[in-house]
């Protein structure tokens, strides 16, 4: 009898020691995670240090915690499919904005292939470390405090989206600079981190890790990005998070309530057809060196009116009388070629004039700045776009706040539904 009791006691003791060992390792992992963020205050991040300390430490954190979070997979297959769909939407959004607003070079890719590879070797392991810690903390957020914990974890991770040195430098910032930081940096980061949290609690670690990894890959390998301001990009990020959040909620609730009509992305024909058509349209425009613009001023009346959508095609043959689109600084102007001038050194430039203007434009247009020549005019269909963009630009912070408020409201109800509260 005593032998049986001893075996039970020893087994219980072994399990308890195993649990204590893991708790100790978990605390070590969390301490290392905090160190990854704060180490620039202790060690100057120069040379190879940023390429060694964060990724190496992150991989250690990942190896400790992955076993705990890997088994939680409530709706994994469906959510992983949605993550792929989200990135199709993100790419299509950037392509569409690029066609309309123009593309700019991504400064993160203005380096050698070795530089890009080193950046990815630094960033991708760090992403795994951050996401496994997020998953671990959320896995512990059970019971009545789970929604509060979800929001707190998202808020903390959003703060860590910026380096600690950024906050140190902000100590002397003005009120307006702090407000701009909140709306252009923190609110979009918080929206994205709430989305990552929802992806974990609905699809498991593979879902939030896949989203975060794809995001980093896209940022660090895409050579061209839409030529839009940080404010516009921030609002788009918040709106995208709201849309993705809504898709996850609608999909999972439909699957749960109408289980016999189980949602299958592979069978949803429209979910493939519509993005495919948009992708083909945008791709055709890019491959044909064509761009779409909306006329926003009356300088070319009556030839072009406010609200007309014009298709401009790249051409090497530009002459007097042609209507061309060209860059003046970061803005695109659509005017008629008034004269073609050849300097004594053989270089060529154009003088231009709006049909409704009294004088020739006060600048020279060199060939590299010419986007293309007018090929097609679609009257007035861009009027709505003008007013939408005017409102969009004037009320960036308001739009960001509104959509973030919607995300916050959704997250509260959806988190309670997921946690069964």
Protein backbone atom coordinates (compact mmCIF):
# COMPACT_ATOMS: atom_id res chain seq x y z
CA UNK A 1 0.00 0.00 0.00
CA UNK A 2 2.81 2.37 0.96
CA UNK A 3 4.59 1.63 -2.34
CA UNK A 4 1.50 2.67 -4.33
CA UNK A 5 1.19 5.84 -2.26
CA UNK A 6 4.87 6.62 -2.83
CA UNK A 7 4.47 6.18 -6.59
CA UNK A 8 1.52 8.56 -6.66
CA UNK A 9 3.43 11.02 -4.50
CA UNK A 10 6.53 10.83 -6.71
CA UNK A 11 4.46 11.24 -9.87
CA UNK A 12 2.71 14.25 -8.36
CA UNK A 13 6.04 15.69 -7.25
CA UNK A 14 7.52 15.13 -10.72
CA UNK A 15 4.60 16.92 -12.36
CA UNK A 16 4.88 19.77 -9.89
CA UNK A 17 8.60 20.14 -10.53
CA UNK A 18 7.98 20.04 -14.26
CA UNK A 19 5.39 22.79 -13.87
CA UNK A 20 7.77 24.89 -11.76
CA UNK A 21 10.53 24.36 -14.31
CA UNK A 22 8.29 25.60 -17.12
CA UNK A 23 7.11 28.58 -15.05
CA UNK A 24 10.74 29.50 -14.46
CA UNK A 25 11.53 29.17 -18.18
CA UNK A 26 8.41 31.21 -19.05
CA UNK A 27 9.57 34.01 -16.73
CA UNK A 28 13.00 33.85 -18.35
CA UNK A 29 11.36 34.11 -21.80
CA UNK A 30 9.30 37.14 -20.73
CA UNK A 31 12.40 38.77 -19.22
CA UNK A 32 14.30 38.21 -22.47
CA UNK A 33 11.36 39.62 -24.42
CA UNK A 34 11.46 42.80 -22.33
CA UNK A 35 15.23 42.94 -22.81
CA UNK A 36 14.80 42.83 -26.62
CA UNK A 37 12.80 46.06 -26.44
CA UNK A 38 14.87 47.94 -23.86
CA UNK A 39 18.38 46.84 -24.80
CA UNK A 40 19.10 50.02 -26.90
CA UNK A 41 19.10 51.96 -23.61
CA UNK A 42 21.87 49.71 -22.30
CA UNK A 43 23.85 48.76 -25.42
CA UNK A 44 24.32 51.16 -28.32
CA UNK A 45 22.69 49.41 -31.32
CA UNK A 46 25.44 49.87 -33.90
CA UNK A 47 27.31 47.64 -36.29
CA UNK A 48 26.11 44.05 -36.18
CA UNK A 49 24.50 44.35 -32.74
CA UNK A 50 20.94 44.98 -34.08
CA UNK A 51 21.37 41.98 -36.38
CA UNK A 52 22.49 39.66 -33.56
CA UNK A 53 20.85 40.51 -30.23
CA UNK A 54 17.13 40.87 -31.20
CA UNK A 55 16.87 37.86 -33.56
CA UNK A 56 18.96 35.52 -31.40
CA UNK A 57 17.11 36.44 -28.20
CA UNK A 58 13.77 36.20 -30.02
CA UNK A 59 14.53 32.67 -31.21
CA UNK A 60 15.33 31.64 -27.63
CA UNK A 61 11.99 33.12 -26.49
CA UNK A 62 10.22 31.33 -29.35
CA UNK A 63 11.80 27.97 -28.52
CA UNK A 64 10.69 28.24 -24.87
CA UNK A 65 7.07 29.29 -25.41
CA UNK A 66 6.07 27.72 -28.73
CA UNK A 67 5.12 24.36 -27.22
CA UNK A 68 2.52 26.02 -24.99
CA UNK A 69 0.74 28.05 -27.67
CA UNK A 70 1.04 25.63 -30.62
CA UNK A 71 -1.81 23.37 -29.46
CA UNK A 72 -4.46 26.13 -29.41
CA UNK A 73 -6.13 25.99 -32.85
CA UNK A 74 -9.87 26.78 -32.57
CA UNK A 75 -10.68 27.83 -36.16
CA UNK A 76 -7.20 27.53 -37.67
CA UNK A 77 -8.00 26.43 -41.24
CA UNK A 78 -10.62 29.09 -41.86
CA UNK A 79 -8.60 31.89 -40.27
CA UNK A 80 -5.42 30.96 -42.17
CA UNK A 81 -7.41 31.18 -45.41
CA UNK A 82 -8.64 34.61 -44.35
CA UNK A 83 -5.08 35.79 -43.63
CA UNK A 84 -4.12 34.98 -47.25
CA UNK A 85 -7.22 36.83 -48.45
CA UNK A 86 -6.27 39.86 -46.32
CA UNK A 87 -2.90 40.12 -48.03
CA UNK A 88 -4.46 39.85 -51.45
CA UNK A 89 -6.65 42.81 -50.43
CA UNK A 90 -3.65 44.75 -49.08
CA UNK A 91 -1.66 44.24 -52.28
CA UNK A 92 -4.64 45.19 -54.46
CA UNK A 93 -5.19 48.31 -52.35
CA UNK A 94 -1.57 49.39 -52.82
CA UNK A 95 -1.66 48.66 -56.55
CA UNK A 96 -4.86 50.65 -56.97
CA UNK A 97 -3.52 53.60 -54.95
CA UNK A 98 -0.28 53.41 -56.94
CA UNK A 99 -2.11 53.58 -60.27
CA UNK A 100 -4.13 56.59 -59.08
CA UNK A 101 -1.54 58.47 -56.98
CA UNK A 102 1.70 57.16 -58.45
CA UNK A 103 4.40 54.90 -57.03
CA UNK A 104 7.45 55.79 -55.00
CA UNK A 105 10.57 53.79 -54.15
CA UNK A 106 10.48 51.83 -50.90
CA UNK A 107 13.54 53.09 -48.98
CA UNK A 108 13.81 49.75 -47.16
CA UNK A 109 14.69 48.07 -50.46
CA UNK A 110 17.24 50.70 -51.58
CA UNK A 111 20.10 48.41 -50.67
CA UNK A 112 21.80 45.29 -52.00
CA UNK A 113 20.23 41.84 -51.91
CA UNK A 114 22.59 41.06 -49.04
CA UNK A 115 21.23 44.08 -47.15
CA UNK A 116 17.63 42.99 -47.72
CA UNK A 117 18.51 39.45 -46.59
CA UNK A 118 20.17 40.77 -43.42
CA UNK A 119 17.16 42.93 -42.65
CA UNK A 120 14.88 39.90 -43.01
CA UNK A 121 17.21 37.79 -40.83
CA UNK A 122 16.85 40.48 -38.16
CA UNK A 123 13.12 41.14 -38.49
CA UNK A 124 11.53 37.72 -39.06
CA UNK A 125 12.91 35.98 -35.93
CA UNK A 126 11.99 39.09 -33.92
CA UNK A 127 8.42 38.83 -35.25
CA UNK A 128 8.27 35.19 -34.14
CA UNK A 129 9.46 36.18 -30.67
CA UNK A 130 6.90 38.97 -30.34
CA UNK A 131 4.03 36.86 -31.65
CA UNK A 132 4.77 33.85 -29.45
CA UNK A 133 4.80 36.14 -26.40
CA UNK A 134 1.51 37.70 -27.51
CA UNK A 135 0.03 34.22 -27.91
CA UNK A 136 1.37 33.09 -24.52
CA UNK A 137 -0.04 36.12 -22.69
CA UNK A 138 -3.42 35.78 -24.41
CA UNK A 139 -3.50 32.04 -23.61
CA UNK A 140 -3.28 32.98 -19.94
CA UNK A 141 -6.09 35.54 -20.30
CA UNK A 142 -8.99 33.35 -19.28
CA UNK A 143 -11.92 34.03 -17.02
CA UNK A 144 -13.74 37.30 -16.36
CA UNK A 145 -10.71 39.50 -17.07
CA UNK A 146 -9.97 38.12 -20.54
CA UNK A 147 -11.34 41.05 -22.58
CA UNK A 148 -9.52 43.60 -20.41
CA UNK A 149 -6.34 41.53 -20.76
CA UNK A 150 -6.80 41.36 -24.53
CA UNK A 151 -7.06 45.16 -24.80
CA UNK A 152 -4.15 45.71 -22.38
CA UNK A 153 -1.87 43.32 -24.25
CA UNK A 154 -2.77 44.96 -27.58
CA UNK A 155 -2.09 48.44 -26.14
CA UNK A 156 1.29 47.37 -24.74
CA UNK A 157 2.38 45.70 -27.99
CA UNK A 158 1.30 48.80 -29.94
CA UNK A 159 3.60 50.90 -27.75
CA UNK A 160 6.42 48.48 -28.54
CA UNK A 161 5.82 49.04 -32.25
CA UNK A 162 8.07 52.10 -31.89
CA UNK A 163 11.61 51.82 -30.46
CA UNK A 164 12.08 52.96 -26.87
CA UNK A 165 14.44 55.68 -28.10
CA UNK A 166 11.47 57.26 -29.94
CA UNK A 167 9.65 57.83 -26.65
CA UNK A 168 12.79 59.16 -24.99
CA UNK A 169 13.14 61.71 -27.80
CA UNK A 170 9.46 62.63 -27.48
CA UNK A 171 9.89 63.91 -23.92
CA UNK A 172 10.60 67.37 -25.32
CA UNK A 173 7.95 67.20 -28.06
CA UNK A 174 5.16 69.75 -28.44
CA UNK A 175 1.46 68.98 -27.91
CA UNK A 176 0.81 68.90 -31.68
CA UNK A 177 3.69 66.49 -32.24
CA UNK A 178 2.30 64.14 -29.59
CA UNK A 179 -1.20 64.30 -31.11
CA UNK A 180 0.20 63.59 -34.59
CA UNK A 181 2.16 60.66 -33.19
CA UNK A 182 -0.96 59.26 -31.54
CA UNK A 183 -3.09 59.37 -34.71
CA UNK A 184 -0.44 58.63 -37.33
CA UNK A 185 1.59 56.04 -35.44
CA UNK A 186 0.00 54.69 -32.28
CA UNK A 187 -3.66 54.33 -33.32
CA UNK A 188 -2.82 52.38 -36.53
CA UNK A 189 -0.37 50.22 -34.55
CA UNK A 190 -3.02 49.55 -31.89
CA UNK A 191 -5.59 48.61 -34.55
CA UNK A 192 -3.13 46.18 -36.15
CA UNK A 193 -2.19 44.66 -32.79
CA UNK A 194 -5.84 44.15 -31.88
CA UNK A 195 -6.28 42.37 -35.20
CA UNK A 196 -3.25 40.16 -34.47
CA UNK A 197 -4.73 39.34 -31.07
CA UNK A 198 -8.06 38.38 -32.61
CA UNK A 199 -6.27 36.21 -35.18
CA UNK A 200 -4.63 34.29 -32.34
CA UNK A 201 -7.73 33.78 -30.17
CA UNK A 202 -9.74 32.74 -33.24
CA UNK A 203 -7.15 30.85 -35.31
CA UNK A 204 -4.23 30.00 -33.04
CA UNK A 205 -0.56 30.96 -33.16
CA UNK A 206 -0.08 30.05 -36.82
CA UNK A 207 -2.67 32.66 -37.82
CA UNK A 208 -1.22 35.69 -36.02
CA UNK A 209 2.36 34.60 -36.82
CA UNK A 210 1.57 34.16 -40.53
CA UNK A 211 -0.06 37.60 -40.73
CA UNK A 212 2.86 39.30 -38.95
CA UNK A 213 5.49 37.48 -41.04
CA UNK A 214 3.76 38.27 -44.34
CA UNK A 215 3.49 41.91 -43.28
CA UNK A 216 7.23 42.15 -42.61
CA UNK A 217 8.09 40.32 -45.83
CA UNK A 218 5.91 42.72 -47.80
CA UNK A 219 7.37 45.83 -46.15
CA UNK A 220 10.99 44.75 -46.60
CA UNK A 221 10.84 43.27 -50.12
CA UNK A 222 8.35 45.39 -52.08
CA UNK A 223 10.38 47.81 -54.24
CA UNK A 224 7.49 50.20 -55.01
CA UNK A 225 4.77 51.57 -52.74
CA UNK A 226 1.96 54.08 -53.37
CA UNK A 227 3.13 57.69 -53.27
CA UNK A 228 0.88 58.72 -50.37
CA UNK A 229 1.50 60.60 -47.13
CA UNK A 230 2.01 58.98 -43.73
CA UNK A 231 -1.37 60.34 -42.61
CA UNK A 232 -3.24 58.73 -45.50
CA UNK A 233 -1.35 55.44 -45.06
CA UNK A 234 -2.20 55.46 -41.34
CA UNK A 235 -5.94 55.89 -41.96
CA UNK A 236 -5.88 53.16 -44.62
CA UNK A 237 -4.17 50.83 -42.12
CA UNK A 238 -6.93 51.46 -39.55
CA UNK A 239 -9.68 50.98 -42.16
CA UNK A 240 -8.06 47.74 -43.37
CA UNK A 241 -7.84 46.45 -39.79
CA UNK A 242 -11.55 47.24 -39.34
CA UNK A 243 -12.46 45.46 -42.60
CA UNK A 244 -10.33 42.40 -41.76
CA UNK A 245 -11.73 42.31 -38.24
CA UNK A 246 -15.28 42.41 -39.65
CA UNK A 247 -14.50 39.57 -42.09
CA UNK A 248 -13.13 37.36 -39.30
CA UNK A 249 -16.12 38.04 -37.06
CA UNK A 250 -18.71 37.49 -39.81
CA UNK A 251 -16.99 34.31 -41.01
CA UNK A 252 -16.63 32.65 -37.62
CA UNK A 253 -20.07 33.59 -36.35
CA UNK A 254 -21.62 32.32 -39.57
CA UNK A 255 -19.69 29.07 -39.22
CA UNK A 256 -20.75 28.64 -35.62
CA UNK A 257 -24.44 29.53 -35.98
CA UNK A 258 -25.02 27.98 -39.39
CA UNK A 259 -22.70 25.01 -39.03
CA UNK A 260 -24.49 22.90 -41.66
CA UNK A 261 -23.67 25.65 -44.19
CA UNK A 262 -20.05 25.64 -42.99
CA UNK A 263 -18.15 28.52 -44.59
CA UNK A 264 -15.51 27.27 -47.02
CA UNK A 265 -13.31 29.92 -48.61
CA UNK A 266 -12.32 27.51 -51.38
CA UNK A 267 -15.97 27.20 -52.40
CA UNK A 268 -16.75 30.88 -52.27
CA UNK A 269 -16.37 31.72 -55.94
CA UNK A 270 -16.82 35.47 -55.57
CA UNK A 271 -14.05 35.71 -52.97
CA UNK A 272 -11.66 34.67 -55.75
CA UNK A 273 -13.37 36.22 -58.75
CA UNK A 274 -13.63 39.82 -57.58
CA UNK A 275 -9.99 40.18 -56.37
CA UNK A 276 -8.83 38.36 -59.52
CA UNK A 277 -10.67 40.81 -61.79
CA UNK A 278 -9.29 43.81 -59.90
CA UNK A 279 -5.79 42.32 -60.00
CA UNK A 280 -6.03 41.71 -63.74
CA UNK A 281 -7.28 45.25 -64.38
CA UNK A 282 -4.57 46.89 -62.28
CA UNK A 283 -1.94 44.53 -63.69
CA UNK A 284 -2.96 45.34 -67.26
CA UNK A 285 -2.63 49.06 -66.54
CA UNK A 286 0.82 48.61 -65.01
CA UNK A 287 2.12 46.34 -67.76
CA UNK A 288 0.88 48.72 -70.43
CA UNK A 289 2.59 51.68 -68.69
CA UNK A 290 -0.83 53.29 -68.25
CA UNK A 291 -2.05 55.45 -65.38
CA UNK A 292 -5.44 56.77 -64.34
CA UNK A 293 -5.93 60.30 -63.03
CA UNK A 294 -8.91 62.36 -61.93
CA UNK A 295 -8.96 65.97 -63.19
CA UNK A 296 -9.28 68.20 -60.12
CA UNK A 297 -8.93 71.72 -61.57
CA UNK A 298 -10.44 73.73 -64.41
CA UNK A 299 -7.18 74.67 -66.12
CA UNK A 300 -7.95 72.45 -69.13
CA UNK A 301 -11.63 73.41 -69.61
CA UNK A 302 -13.37 72.79 -72.01
CA UNK A 303 -11.11 69.93 -73.16
CA UNK A 304 -10.99 68.35 -69.70
CA UNK A 305 -13.48 69.15 -66.97
CA UNK A 306 -13.30 68.75 -63.21
CA UNK A 307 -14.21 65.13 -62.40
CA UNK A 308 -13.11 63.64 -65.71
CA UNK A 309 -11.09 60.44 -65.43
CA UNK A 310 -8.20 60.34 -67.89
CA UNK A 311 -6.12 57.40 -69.02
CA UNK A 312 -2.51 58.34 -69.68
CA UNK A 313 -0.14 56.02 -71.54
CA UNK A 314 3.66 56.21 -71.58
CA UNK A 315 4.97 57.49 -74.92
CA UNK A 316 8.36 58.45 -76.32
CA UNK A 317 6.78 60.61 -79.02
CA UNK A 318 5.50 63.85 -77.52
CA UNK A 319 4.91 66.88 -79.70
CA UNK A 320 3.27 70.30 -79.74
CA UNK A 321 -0.47 70.02 -79.06
CA UNK A 322 -0.30 66.74 -77.15
CA UNK A 323 -1.89 66.64 -73.72
CA UNK A 324 0.56 65.13 -71.24
CA UNK A 325 0.68 64.29 -67.55
CA UNK A 326 3.88 65.26 -65.76
CA UNK A 327 5.31 65.75 -62.31
CA UNK A 328 5.83 69.16 -60.75
CA UNK A 329 7.41 68.25 -57.44
CA UNK A 330 5.21 65.49 -56.02
CA UNK A 331 2.07 66.67 -57.83
CA UNK A 332 0.86 65.50 -61.25
CA UNK A 333 -0.25 68.18 -63.72
CA UNK A 334 -2.16 67.51 -66.96
CA UNK A 335 -1.59 70.27 -69.54
CA UNK A 336 -1.06 70.65 -73.26
CA UNK A 337 2.42 70.88 -74.80
CA UNK A 338 2.88 74.47 -75.98
CA UNK A 339 6.40 74.11 -77.39
CA UNK A 340 9.28 71.66 -77.65
CA UNK A 341 12.60 73.36 -76.94
CA UNK A 342 16.04 71.99 -77.76
CA UNK A 343 18.91 73.66 -75.87
CA UNK A 344 22.32 74.32 -77.33
CA UNK A 345 23.68 71.28 -75.47
CA UNK A 346 21.12 69.05 -77.22
CA UNK A 347 18.85 68.54 -74.19
CA UNK A 348 15.09 68.75 -74.76
CA UNK A 349 12.33 70.12 -72.58
CA UNK A 350 8.67 71.06 -73.00
CA UNK A 351 6.78 74.21 -72.21
CA UNK A 352 3.15 73.61 -71.34
CA UNK A 353 -0.08 75.53 -70.91
CA UNK A 354 -3.58 74.84 -69.67
CA UNK A 355 -6.24 75.40 -72.35
CA UNK A 356 -8.12 77.63 -69.91
CA UNK A 357 -5.04 79.56 -68.79
CA UNK A 358 -3.87 82.89 -70.22
CA UNK A 359 -0.15 82.24 -69.82
CA UNK A 360 2.36 79.47 -70.41
CA UNK A 361 3.32 77.50 -67.30
CA UNK A 362 6.32 79.05 -65.46
CA UNK A 363 8.40 75.87 -65.48
CA UNK A 364 10.22 73.58 -67.87
CA UNK A 365 9.11 69.95 -68.19
CA UNK A 366 11.98 67.58 -68.82
CA UNK A 367 11.23 64.19 -70.49
CA UNK A 368 12.01 62.07 -67.36
CA UNK A 369 9.19 63.87 -65.52
CA UNK A 370 6.56 63.08 -68.16
CA UNK A 371 4.21 60.33 -66.98
CA UNK A 372 2.55 59.84 -70.34
CA UNK A 373 0.25 61.14 -73.06
CA UNK A 374 -3.53 61.40 -72.91
CA UNK A 375 -5.22 58.35 -74.44
CA UNK A 376 -8.79 58.32 -73.13
CA UNK A 377 -11.23 60.59 -71.29
CA UNK A 378 -14.18 59.30 -69.23
CA UNK A 379 -16.34 62.35 -68.43
CA UNK A 380 -17.28 63.27 -64.85
CA UNK A 381 -17.07 59.80 -63.28
CA UNK A 382 -14.37 61.00 -60.88
CA UNK A 383 -16.41 63.77 -59.20
CA UNK A 384 -17.33 61.54 -56.25
CA UNK A 385 -13.67 60.56 -55.88
CA UNK A 386 -12.66 64.25 -55.62
CA UNK A 387 -15.08 64.95 -52.78
CA UNK A 388 -14.27 61.71 -51.00
CA UNK A 389 -10.52 62.43 -51.14
CA UNK A 390 -11.06 66.04 -50.06
CA UNK A 391 -12.96 64.84 -46.99
CA UNK A 392 -10.40 62.07 -46.48
CA UNK A 393 -7.43 64.47 -46.48
CA UNK A 394 -9.11 67.15 -44.35
CA UNK A 395 -10.35 64.75 -41.68
CA UNK A 396 -7.60 62.14 -41.45
CA UNK A 397 -7.50 62.11 -37.65
CA UNK A 398 -11.29 62.02 -37.41
CA UNK A 399 -11.52 59.06 -39.79
CA UNK A 400 -8.78 57.24 -37.91
CA UNK A 401 -10.62 57.82 -34.62
CA UNK A 402 -14.00 56.73 -36.02
CA UNK A 403 -12.74 53.47 -37.51
CA UNK A 404 -10.64 52.71 -34.44
CA UNK A 405 -13.74 53.25 -32.27
CA UNK A 406 -15.58 50.74 -34.45
CA UNK A 407 -12.72 48.24 -34.04
CA UNK A 408 -12.77 48.76 -30.27
CA UNK A 409 -16.54 48.18 -30.10
CA UNK A 410 -16.26 45.08 -32.26
CA UNK A 411 -13.35 43.69 -30.28
CA UNK A 412 -15.27 43.92 -27.01
CA UNK A 413 -18.29 41.99 -28.29
CA UNK A 414 -16.31 39.54 -30.42
CA UNK A 415 -13.78 38.79 -27.66
CA UNK A 416 -16.61 38.03 -25.25
CA UNK A 417 -18.13 35.72 -27.87
CA UNK A 418 -14.82 33.94 -28.43
CA UNK A 419 -14.06 33.62 -24.72
CA UNK A 420 -17.64 32.57 -23.99
CA UNK A 421 -18.25 35.41 -21.53
